[in-house]
Protein backbone atom coordinates (compact mmCIF):
# COMPACT_ATOMS: atom_id res chain seq x y z
CA MET A 1 77.21 -82.42 140.71
CA MET A 2 79.41 -81.09 137.90
CA PRO A 3 83.21 -81.38 137.98
CA ARG A 4 85.09 -78.41 139.49
CA TYR A 5 87.93 -76.54 137.76
CA GLN A 6 90.60 -74.15 138.99
CA CYS A 7 91.71 -71.22 136.85
CA HIS A 8 95.40 -71.10 135.99
CA LYS A 9 95.54 -68.80 132.97
CA GLN A 10 96.87 -65.26 132.75
CA VAL A 11 94.73 -62.45 131.31
CA TRP A 12 94.99 -58.72 130.73
CA ALA A 13 92.42 -56.70 132.65
CA LEU A 14 91.42 -53.16 133.50
CA GLU A 15 89.13 -52.15 136.35
CA ILE A 16 86.22 -50.03 135.14
CA ARG A 17 85.90 -46.60 136.73
CA TYR A 18 82.91 -45.28 134.79
CA ILE A 19 80.42 -46.47 132.17
CA ASN A 20 79.03 -43.76 129.89
CA ARG A 21 75.90 -44.50 127.82
CA GLU A 22 75.08 -40.88 126.96
CA THR A 23 75.74 -41.31 123.24
CA PRO A 24 72.88 -43.33 121.73
CA GLY A 25 74.00 -46.82 120.70
CA LYS A 26 77.45 -46.46 122.32
CA VAL A 27 79.05 -47.62 125.58
CA ARG A 28 82.25 -45.91 126.74
CA LEU A 29 84.35 -47.57 129.44
CA THR A 30 86.77 -45.43 131.46
CA PHE A 31 89.31 -47.24 133.62
CA ILE A 32 90.75 -46.79 137.12
CA ASP A 33 94.26 -46.97 135.64
CA LYS A 34 94.60 -43.55 134.01
CA ASP A 35 97.46 -44.78 131.78
CA TYR A 36 94.80 -46.38 129.55
CA GLU A 37 92.46 -44.42 127.30
CA PRO A 38 88.72 -45.06 127.52
CA LEU A 39 87.30 -47.59 125.06
CA THR A 40 84.04 -47.07 123.16
CA PHE A 41 81.89 -49.95 121.91
CA ASP A 42 78.60 -50.34 120.09
CA GLU A 43 75.80 -51.27 122.48
CA SER A 44 75.17 -54.30 120.28
CA ASP A 45 78.74 -55.60 120.78
CA PRO A 46 78.69 -59.22 122.02
CA LEU A 47 80.72 -57.96 124.99
CA PHE A 48 77.44 -56.75 126.51
CA ALA A 49 75.18 -59.63 125.44
CA ARG A 50 75.55 -61.69 128.62
CA TYR A 51 76.25 -59.09 131.28
CA ASN A 52 75.63 -55.38 131.82
CA PRO A 53 78.79 -54.02 133.51
CA ILE A 54 78.82 -51.77 136.53
CA GLN A 55 81.57 -49.62 138.03
CA ARG A 56 84.50 -51.58 139.50
CA ASP A 57 83.89 -54.61 137.24
CA PHE A 58 86.77 -55.68 134.97
CA TYR A 59 87.28 -55.48 131.21
CA VAL A 60 89.24 -58.69 130.45
CA VAL A 61 91.20 -59.77 127.36
CA TYR A 62 92.41 -63.37 126.97
CA ASP A 63 95.47 -64.70 125.07
CA ASP A 64 93.38 -65.41 121.97
CA GLY A 65 92.03 -61.82 121.88
CA TYR A 66 88.59 -62.70 123.24
CA ALA A 67 87.30 -59.83 125.41
CA SER A 68 84.69 -60.00 128.15
CA ILE A 69 83.39 -58.18 131.18
CA SER A 70 83.87 -59.91 134.52
CA PRO A 71 81.92 -59.01 137.65
CA ARG A 72 84.31 -57.65 140.26
CA ASP A 73 83.83 -60.32 142.95
CA ALA A 74 84.17 -63.22 140.49
CA PHE A 75 87.28 -61.70 138.93
CA LEU A 76 89.03 -61.03 142.23
CA ALA A 77 88.17 -64.53 143.47
CA GLY A 78 89.94 -66.06 140.47
CA TYR A 79 92.83 -63.73 139.66
CA THR A 80 95.72 -62.04 141.45
CA ARG A 81 97.47 -59.06 139.85
CA LEU A 82 100.98 -59.83 138.62
CA THR A 83 103.76 -57.29 139.07
């Protein structure tokens, strides 16, 4: 069995409200938090290479600027929102 690790890093994250793929070649993410504007990406962006996001997943940005999509259950199991 592989070694286990516990997450202890802080990230920035926004919960996804809606995913719009109506524009060919583009993916637009709208967030639950209305203080943040939607973000539009090319469909070929590496952000979507490993996982196809669904509503309520999280758009995550790490300290080094790396961005990813995290499935909701996995994200909430590993992170607690800071105030």
